[in-house]
Amino acid sequence: MSAKYIITHIDGRLVSAEYDNNICVGLDILSPTGVMGNIYAGRVENVVKNINCAFVEIEKGVKCYFPLEADNNRHIFFNNKNNDKLNQGDSVLVQVIKEAVKTKPPTVTTKVSLTGKYVVLSSDIRGVNISSKTKKDELCKKVQSLLLESLNTEKFGFIVRTNCKDVNESDFEDILKEAHDMSKKFENILQRATYEKAPVCLYKEKPLYVNHILGFPNDYIDEIITDDDNIYDTICAYLPENERMKVRLYKDEMLELYKLYDVKKQLEQASAQKVWLKCGGYIIIEQTEALTSIDVNSGKCISKKSGEAAKEDTVYKVNSEAADEIARQIKLRNLSGIIIIDFINMKSEDNTQKLMSGIRHLFKNDKVTTTLIDITKLGLVEVTRKREGVTLLQALKDTSF
């Protein structure tokens, strides 16, 4: 496996691209002005009971949507209170979990978290939990025991990340140090809020590209390359010393970094409606407010043999190749919500089941929760994918120059 992570500037935008064996599997427009992940002492402007929400001001003139859900009620107040209910005028600890999209304001939560390479600190839990993806991993259980023995988790708790399943016991000291540093950072955030007047920013989240890098499994990325001196220094500051050798500052006046890795071409292809397949077929991707539809077409892929069996084989070949490309495009474009896929109809039930099984396997490799619901009577495959930020297309529109 040969994976690279590229960060560069294209037409005034800061762009990241992830390559796995020379295939682009991830693209992001990195907004320099985003508030995602920032922690604030926010001021409650008003509580709207009929829609079960509140609006919280985090900066002067910046109001955020705050859902009053049953699992979002462990508030940390900075003003004197005789109850735990959210009221107008309260000063409360909040974190931005969704950027503003079009007319919708940013969304905040009182479930505040700090994310490291190995653990996540969360104000919403107590004790030490293990990520649901690795609950059975023995190394993660050892890390859990280590943190429980060494940390005070009465005010906040920790989640052991999936990265811990790839560590050695020699790395435990680094994991413990990371958790201790997070504890101090969170205590400092709470202390600062006691003498700062709301609304005020208490903590600025790490740049998105740093969070991407810290979230990669150990030994997955062979090289991180950027042509920006400040970004290079920032990445090195966050990475452990033994991993800084992976970071390379690219300097070549003859050939720009984005041209070397065809990043601009990848952006253009990932925002196009039509995507060609190697077999000659193609898929059409249409994004709307309600859902994303993906249509598979045979295009230039025509069987050289005659007969129903040959035709069925050709259709399965197109559908199978389309499934691989669709899984890649969903991740590449950060498609989310409801996704409807219209594959070419197949007569063989065995081929249909093989195709569905293959899609399920592909979706399991997605870091974002992606669920294959079912295939309808009309032959449409229903998929849902958890929303994680905006789509690539929306990000391109929001940062157009």
Protein backbone atom coordinates (compact mmCIF):
# COMPACT_ATOMS: atom_id res chain seq x y z
CA MET A 1 0.00 0.00 0.00
CA SER A 2 1.26 3.48 -0.87
CA ALA A 3 -0.82 6.33 0.56
CA LYS A 4 -0.07 10.05 0.25
CA TYR A 5 -1.79 13.13 1.64
CA ILE A 6 -1.36 16.32 -0.40
CA ILE A 7 -2.14 19.87 0.82
CA THR A 8 -1.80 22.71 -1.66
CA HIS A 9 -3.37 25.90 -3.00
CA ILE A 10 -5.41 25.87 -6.23
CA ASP A 11 -7.01 29.06 -7.61
CA GLY A 12 -7.09 30.70 -4.19
CA ARG A 13 -8.48 27.62 -2.40
CA LEU A 14 -6.67 25.43 0.10
CA VAL A 15 -7.22 21.84 -1.02
CA SER A 16 -6.30 18.44 0.42
CA ALA A 17 -6.16 15.25 -1.60
CA GLU A 18 -5.68 11.69 -0.34
CA TYR A 19 -4.18 9.09 -2.68
CA ASP A 20 -4.16 5.34 -2.11
CA ASN A 21 -2.00 3.42 -4.60
CA ASN A 22 -2.10 6.47 -6.94
CA ILE A 23 -5.94 6.57 -6.88
CA CYS A 24 -7.55 9.68 -5.43
CA VAL A 25 -9.84 8.55 -2.59
CA GLY A 26 -10.41 11.83 -0.76
CA LEU A 27 -10.75 15.53 -1.59
CA ASP A 28 -11.47 18.47 0.70
CA ILE A 29 -11.77 22.23 0.38
CA LEU A 30 -10.17 23.49 3.59
CA SER A 31 -11.96 26.67 4.63
CA PRO A 32 -9.59 29.09 6.43
CA THR A 33 -12.51 30.88 8.13
CA GLY A 34 -14.56 27.95 9.44
CA VAL A 35 -15.73 27.66 13.06
CA MET A 36 -16.23 23.89 13.07
CA GLY A 37 -14.94 22.37 16.33
CA ASN A 38 -14.37 25.72 18.06
CA ILE A 39 -15.45 25.93 21.71
CA TYR A 40 -17.23 28.99 23.07
CA ALA A 41 -18.81 30.47 26.14
CA GLY A 42 -22.04 31.25 24.30
CA ARG A 43 -24.88 33.50 25.37
CA VAL A 44 -28.40 32.10 25.05
CA GLU A 45 -30.36 34.64 22.98
CA ASN A 46 -33.73 32.91 23.20
CA VAL A 47 -35.39 29.54 23.77
CA VAL A 48 -38.06 28.49 21.24
CA LYS A 49 -40.06 25.71 22.88
CA ASN A 50 -42.48 25.05 20.01
CA ILE A 51 -39.60 23.89 17.77
CA ASN A 52 -37.59 22.49 20.71
CA CYS A 53 -34.47 24.57 20.17
CA ALA A 54 -32.53 27.58 21.38
CA PHE A 55 -30.36 30.15 19.62
CA VAL A 56 -26.95 30.82 21.09
CA GLU A 57 -24.67 33.74 20.20
CA ILE A 58 -21.03 32.60 19.94
CA GLU A 59 -19.55 35.79 18.50
CA LYS A 60 -20.96 39.25 18.01
CA GLY A 61 -23.72 38.88 15.40
CA VAL A 62 -23.15 35.10 14.98
CA LYS A 63 -26.12 33.12 16.28
CA CYS A 64 -26.20 29.32 16.25
CA TYR A 65 -28.93 26.70 16.31
CA PHE A 66 -28.98 24.57 19.46
CA PRO A 67 -31.34 21.54 19.49
CA LEU A 68 -32.94 20.87 22.89
CA GLU A 69 -32.69 17.10 22.65
CA ALA A 70 -32.89 14.69 25.56
CA ASP A 71 -29.26 13.59 25.08
CA ASN A 72 -28.01 17.17 24.78
CA ASN A 73 -28.86 18.46 28.24
CA ARG A 74 -25.65 18.10 30.28
CA HIS A 75 -24.93 21.83 30.36
CA ILE A 76 -21.89 23.59 31.83
CA PHE A 77 -23.04 27.07 32.89
CA PHE A 78 -20.80 30.03 33.72
CA ASN A 79 -23.47 32.16 35.39
CA ASN A 80 -25.15 31.55 38.75
CA LYS A 81 -28.03 29.09 38.39
CA ASN A 82 -30.44 27.32 40.73
CA ASN A 83 -31.54 24.78 38.06
CA ASP A 84 -30.10 22.94 35.06
CA LYS A 85 -32.54 24.27 32.46
CA LEU A 86 -31.36 26.44 29.58
CA ASN A 87 -32.78 29.98 29.86
CA GLN A 88 -32.41 33.24 27.98
CA GLY A 89 -29.30 35.12 29.09
CA ASP A 90 -27.41 32.04 30.28
CA SER A 91 -23.70 31.72 29.59
CA VAL A 92 -23.06 28.13 28.54
CA LEU A 93 -20.21 26.03 27.15
CA VAL A 94 -20.88 25.02 23.52
CA GLN A 95 -18.98 23.58 20.55
CA VAL A 96 -19.75 24.02 16.85
CA ILE A 97 -20.61 20.68 15.24
CA LYS A 98 -21.93 21.94 11.87
CA GLU A 99 -20.85 24.88 9.77
CA ALA A 100 -23.41 27.30 8.38
CA VAL A 101 -24.94 26.02 5.13
CA LYS A 102 -26.70 28.53 2.87
CA THR A 103 -29.41 30.15 5.04
CA LYS A 104 -28.96 27.70 7.93
CA PRO A 105 -26.83 28.96 10.87
CA PRO A 106 -24.07 26.87 12.47
CA THR A 107 -25.20 24.17 14.90
CA VAL A 108 -23.77 23.92 18.42
CA THR A 109 -23.90 21.30 21.15
CA THR A 110 -23.03 21.11 24.84
CA LYS A 111 -21.35 17.72 24.18
CA VAL A 112 -17.89 19.26 24.04
CA SER A 113 -14.97 17.12 22.86
CA LEU A 114 -11.25 17.40 22.15
CA THR A 115 -9.79 14.96 19.62
CA GLY A 116 -6.28 13.55 19.69
CA LYS A 117 -4.56 10.82 17.73
CA TYR A 118 -5.35 8.09 20.25
CA VAL A 119 -8.13 9.37 22.52
CA VAL A 120 -11.08 11.77 22.55
CA LEU A 121 -11.96 13.79 25.65
CA SER A 122 -15.73 14.23 26.06
CA SER A 123 -17.63 16.40 28.53
CA ASP A 124 -20.69 14.19 28.01
CA ILE A 125 -19.37 10.96 29.52
CA ARG A 126 -17.59 9.78 32.65
CA GLY A 127 -14.94 7.09 32.86
CA VAL A 128 -13.21 5.62 29.80
CA ASN A 129 -15.07 4.05 26.88
CA ILE A 130 -13.77 2.29 23.77
CA SER A 131 -14.80 3.21 20.23
CA SER A 132 -17.65 0.95 19.10
CA LYS A 133 -15.57 -0.22 16.12
CA THR A 134 -12.88 -1.79 18.35
CA LYS A 135 -14.66 -2.82 21.56
CA LYS A 136 -13.27 -6.36 21.32
CA ASP A 137 -9.66 -5.34 20.66
CA GLU A 138 -7.32 -6.44 23.48
CA LEU A 139 -4.86 -3.54 23.04
CA CYS A 140 -7.71 -1.02 23.28
CA LYS A 141 -8.86 -2.71 26.50
CA LYS A 142 -5.33 -2.35 27.94
CA VAL A 143 -5.33 1.35 27.01
CA GLN A 144 -8.73 1.69 28.69
CA SER A 145 -7.40 0.15 31.92
CA LEU A 146 -4.30 2.35 31.83
CA LEU A 147 -6.37 5.54 31.50
CA LEU A 148 -8.81 4.49 34.22
CA GLU A 149 -5.92 3.91 36.63
CA SER A 150 -4.09 7.13 35.78
CA LEU A 151 -6.77 9.80 35.20
CA ASN A 152 -9.51 11.52 37.14
CA THR A 153 -12.64 11.09 35.04
CA GLU A 154 -15.26 12.50 37.44
CA LYS A 155 -15.78 15.76 35.47
CA PHE A 156 -15.28 14.38 31.96
CA GLY A 157 -14.43 11.12 30.25
CA PHE A 158 -12.40 9.64 27.42
CA ILE A 159 -13.02 7.48 24.35
CA VAL A 160 -10.22 5.19 23.13
CA ARG A 161 -9.94 5.69 19.36
CA THR A 162 -9.57 2.94 16.75
CA ASN A 163 -5.94 4.04 16.18
CA CYS A 164 -5.07 2.33 19.48
CA LYS A 165 -5.63 -1.13 17.99
CA ASP A 166 -2.43 -0.68 15.95
CA VAL A 167 -0.14 0.56 18.76
CA ASN A 168 2.51 -1.29 20.74
CA GLU A 169 2.73 -1.28 24.52
CA SER A 170 5.80 0.95 24.10
CA ASP A 171 3.38 3.63 22.82
CA PHE A 172 1.33 3.64 26.04
CA GLU A 173 3.42 6.47 27.52
CA ASP A 174 2.59 8.68 24.52
CA ILE A 175 -1.11 7.83 24.80
CA LEU A 176 -1.15 8.66 28.50
CA LYS A 177 0.67 11.96 27.87
CA GLU A 178 -1.87 12.88 25.19
CA ALA A 179 -4.75 12.21 27.60
CA HIS A 180 -3.08 14.23 30.40
CA ASP A 181 -2.47 17.15 28.01
CA MET A 182 -6.13 17.07 26.96
CA SER A 183 -7.25 17.13 30.59
CA LYS A 184 -5.13 20.23 31.27
CA LYS A 185 -6.40 21.88 28.08
CA PHE A 186 -10.04 21.30 29.01
CA GLU A 187 -9.48 22.54 32.57
CA ASN A 188 -7.88 25.70 31.13
CA ILE A 189 -10.91 26.20 28.85
CA LEU A 190 -13.26 26.02 31.84
CA GLN A 191 -11.06 28.30 33.93
CA ARG A 192 -10.81 30.92 31.18
CA ALA A 193 -14.60 31.03 30.86
CA THR A 194 -14.91 32.14 34.49
CA TYR A 195 -13.29 35.52 33.79
CA GLU A 196 -14.20 36.04 30.11
CA LYS A 197 -17.56 37.63 29.26
CA ALA A 198 -19.80 35.64 26.91
CA PRO A 199 -19.90 35.38 23.98
CA VAL A 200 -16.22 34.51 23.59
CA CYS A 201 -14.14 31.86 21.82
CA LEU A 202 -12.33 29.73 24.39
CA TYR A 203 -10.62 27.28 22.04
CA LYS A 204 -9.92 27.22 18.31
CA GLU A 205 -9.97 23.77 16.77
CA LYS A 206 -6.90 22.44 15.00
CA PRO A 207 -6.89 23.00 11.23
CA LEU A 208 -9.01 20.41 9.40
CA TYR A 209 -5.99 18.92 7.63
CA VAL A 210 -4.35 18.22 11.01
CA ASN A 211 -7.47 16.38 12.21
CA HIS A 212 -7.46 14.36 8.98
CA ILE A 213 -3.82 13.36 9.54
CA LEU A 214 -4.33 12.46 13.21
CA GLY A 215 -7.37 10.38 12.24
CA PHE A 216 -5.45 8.16 9.81
CA PRO A 217 -4.60 4.66 11.08
CA ASN A 218 -1.00 4.16 12.16
CA ASP A 219 1.38 3.47 9.25
CA TYR A 220 -1.38 4.16 6.68
CA ILE A 221 0.10 7.39 5.27
CA ASP A 222 3.56 6.99 3.75
CA GLU A 223 4.04 10.67 3.03
CA ILE A 224 2.39 14.03 3.76
CA ILE A 225 3.36 16.64 1.16
CA THR A 226 2.69 20.39 1.12
CA ASP A 227 4.19 23.38 -0.68
CA ASP A 228 3.15 25.84 2.08
CA ASP A 229 5.80 26.64 4.74
CA ASN A 230 3.25 27.55 7.44
CA ILE A 231 1.23 24.38 6.88
CA TYR A 232 4.42 22.31 7.01
CA ASP A 233 5.37 23.86 10.37
CA THR A 234 1.84 23.39 11.74
CA ILE A 235 1.73 19.69 10.83
CA CYS A 236 5.17 19.06 12.38
CA ALA A 237 4.05 20.81 15.58
CA TYR A 238 1.15 18.39 16.03
CA LEU A 239 2.86 15.15 14.99
CA PRO A 240 5.04 13.08 17.34
CA GLU A 241 8.76 13.38 16.56
CA ASN A 242 9.03 9.88 15.13
CA GLU A 243 6.32 10.67 12.54
CA ARG A 244 7.65 14.05 11.37
CA MET A 245 9.89 12.30 8.85
CA LYS A 246 6.74 11.55 6.85
CA VAL A 247 6.17 15.27 6.22
CA ARG A 248 7.82 16.78 3.14
CA LEU A 249 7.94 20.42 2.07
CA TYR A 250 7.72 20.43 -1.72
CA LYS A 251 9.70 23.11 -3.55
CA ASP A 252 9.97 22.99 -7.33
CA GLU A 253 9.49 26.13 -9.40
CA MET A 254 9.35 24.10 -12.62
CA LEU A 255 6.36 21.93 -11.64
CA GLU A 256 3.75 22.98 -9.09
CA LEU A 257 2.56 20.42 -6.55
CA TYR A 258 -1.08 20.36 -7.67
CA LYS A 259 0.05 19.70 -11.26
CA LEU A 260 2.39 16.91 -10.20
CA TYR A 261 -0.52 15.02 -8.61
CA ASP A 262 -3.26 16.22 -10.97
CA VAL A 263 -5.27 17.58 -8.03
CA LYS A 264 -7.07 20.18 -10.14
CA LYS A 265 -8.16 17.50 -12.63
CA GLN A 266 -9.43 15.36 -9.73
CA LEU A 267 -11.51 18.31 -8.47
CA GLU A 268 -13.00 18.87 -11.92
CA GLN A 269 -13.89 15.18 -12.32
CA ALA A 270 -15.37 14.97 -8.81
CA SER A 271 -17.71 17.89 -9.53
CA ALA A 272 -18.84 16.59 -12.94
CA GLN A 273 -22.19 14.84 -13.39
CA LYS A 274 -20.88 12.10 -15.67
CA VAL A 275 -18.15 9.67 -14.61
CA TRP A 276 -16.82 7.20 -17.18
CA LEU A 277 -15.94 3.62 -16.27
CA LYS A 278 -13.02 1.65 -17.73
CA CYS A 279 -15.40 -0.85 -19.32
CA GLY A 280 -17.02 1.90 -21.40
CA GLY A 281 -20.08 2.36 -19.20
CA TYR A 282 -20.71 5.49 -17.13
CA ILE A 283 -22.60 6.79 -14.12
CA ILE A 284 -24.60 10.00 -13.76
CA ILE A 285 -24.59 11.67 -10.32
CA GLU A 286 -27.25 14.29 -9.58
CA GLN A 287 -27.30 16.06 -6.23
CA THR A 288 -30.48 17.77 -4.98
CA GLU A 289 -31.62 19.18 -1.64
CA ALA A 290 -33.67 16.06 -0.86
CA LEU A 291 -31.39 13.26 -2.09
CA THR A 292 -28.63 12.17 -4.46
CA SER A 293 -29.51 9.95 -7.43
CA ILE A 294 -26.91 7.82 -9.23
CA ASP A 295 -27.80 6.24 -12.57
CA VAL A 296 -25.70 3.45 -14.11
CA ASN A 297 -25.54 3.18 -17.92
CA SER A 298 -23.88 0.64 -20.22
CA GLY A 299 -22.65 3.36 -22.62
CA LYS A 300 -20.01 1.99 -24.96
CA CYS A 301 -19.76 -1.37 -23.19
CA ILE A 302 -21.24 -3.83 -25.68
CA SER A 303 -20.86 -7.61 -25.60
CA LYS A 304 -19.01 -9.12 -28.55
CA LYS A 305 -20.98 -12.32 -28.13
CA SER A 306 -24.68 -12.77 -28.82
CA GLY A 307 -27.26 -14.37 -26.57
CA GLU A 308 -28.93 -13.66 -23.25
CA ALA A 309 -26.10 -15.16 -21.17
CA ALA A 310 -23.50 -12.88 -22.79
CA LYS A 311 -25.75 -9.87 -22.30
CA GLU A 312 -26.25 -10.74 -18.62
CA ASP A 313 -22.47 -11.08 -18.13
CA THR A 314 -21.92 -7.66 -19.72
CA VAL A 315 -24.55 -6.02 -17.54
CA TYR A 316 -23.07 -7.58 -14.40
CA LYS A 317 -19.59 -6.39 -15.45
CA VAL A 318 -20.84 -2.79 -15.84
CA ASN A 319 -22.79 -2.89 -12.56
CA SER A 320 -19.87 -4.40 -10.65
CA GLU A 321 -17.40 -1.79 -11.94
CA ALA A 322 -19.99 0.94 -11.30
CA ALA A 323 -20.37 -0.22 -7.67
CA ASP A 324 -16.62 0.22 -7.08
CA GLU A 325 -16.67 3.69 -8.64
CA ILE A 326 -19.85 4.73 -6.81
CA ALA A 327 -18.31 3.81 -3.43
CA ARG A 328 -15.26 5.91 -4.34
CA GLN A 329 -17.33 8.85 -5.59
CA ILE A 330 -19.53 8.87 -2.48
CA LYS A 331 -16.44 9.31 -0.30
CA LEU A 332 -14.72 11.65 -2.75
CA ARG A 333 -17.73 14.01 -3.00
CA ASN A 334 -18.75 13.54 0.65
CA LEU A 335 -22.30 12.66 -0.42
CA SER A 336 -24.69 12.19 2.50
CA GLY A 337 -28.32 11.70 3.46
CA ILE A 338 -30.43 9.59 1.10
CA ILE A 339 -28.66 8.14 -1.94
CA ILE A 340 -30.63 6.23 -4.60
CA ILE A 341 -28.67 4.05 -7.06
CA ASP A 342 -30.29 2.81 -10.26
CA PHE A 343 -28.20 -0.10 -11.53
CA ILE A 344 -28.88 -1.75 -14.89
CA ASN A 345 -31.55 -4.43 -14.44
CA MET A 346 -30.26 -8.00 -14.22
CA LYS A 347 -32.30 -11.15 -14.70
CA SER A 348 -30.06 -13.36 -12.58
CA GLU A 349 -30.95 -13.33 -8.87
CA ASP A 350 -27.48 -14.70 -8.08
CA ASN A 351 -25.85 -11.73 -9.84
CA THR A 352 -28.11 -9.32 -7.96
CA GLN A 353 -27.17 -10.87 -4.62
CA LYS A 354 -23.45 -10.86 -5.53
CA LEU A 355 -23.71 -7.17 -6.46
CA MET A 356 -25.50 -6.28 -3.20
CA SER A 357 -22.97 -8.25 -1.16
CA GLY A 358 -20.12 -6.44 -2.93
CA ILE A 359 -21.65 -3.02 -2.21
CA ARG A 360 -22.07 -3.84 1.48
CA HIS A 361 -18.39 -4.81 1.67
CA LEU A 362 -17.34 -1.57 -0.05
CA PHE A 363 -19.42 0.56 2.34
CA LYS A 364 -17.85 -1.14 5.36
CA ASN A 365 -14.55 0.48 4.41
CA ASP A 366 -16.07 3.98 4.59
CA LYS A 367 -14.98 5.95 7.69
CA VAL A 368 -18.38 7.67 7.66
CA THR A 369 -21.34 5.46 8.62
CA THR A 370 -22.88 4.27 5.34
CA THR A 371 -25.83 1.88 5.36
CA LEU A 372 -27.26 -0.17 2.50
CA ILE A 373 -30.99 -0.23 3.26
CA ASP A 374 -32.50 -2.46 0.56
CA ILE A 375 -33.29 -2.87 -3.11
CA THR A 376 -36.82 -1.79 -4.04
CA LYS A 377 -39.29 -3.58 -6.31
CA LEU A 378 -38.27 -1.14 -9.02
CA GLY A 379 -34.66 -2.27 -8.70
CA LEU A 380 -33.46 0.91 -6.96
CA VAL A 381 -30.79 0.52 -4.29
CA GLU A 382 -31.41 2.69 -1.21
CA VAL A 383 -28.42 3.96 0.77
CA THR A 384 -28.06 6.37 3.68
CA ARG A 385 -24.85 8.07 4.75
CA LYS A 386 -24.24 10.14 7.86
CA ARG A 387 -23.77 13.87 7.26
CA GLU A 388 -20.18 14.97 7.94
CA GLY A 389 -19.79 18.58 6.83
CA VAL A 390 -20.82 19.87 3.41
CA THR A 391 -20.48 18.05 0.09
CA LEU A 392 -17.49 18.75 -2.12
CA LEU A 393 -19.77 20.47 -4.66
CA GLN A 394 -21.18 22.80 -1.98
CA ALA A 395 -17.68 23.54 -0.67
CA LEU A 396 -16.56 24.50 -4.19
CA LYS A 397 -19.53 26.84 -4.53
CA ASP A 398 -18.97 28.40 -1.12
CA THR A 399 -15.31 29.15 -1.91
CA SER A 400 -15.64 30.23 -5.55
CA PHE A 401 -13.42 33.11 -6.71
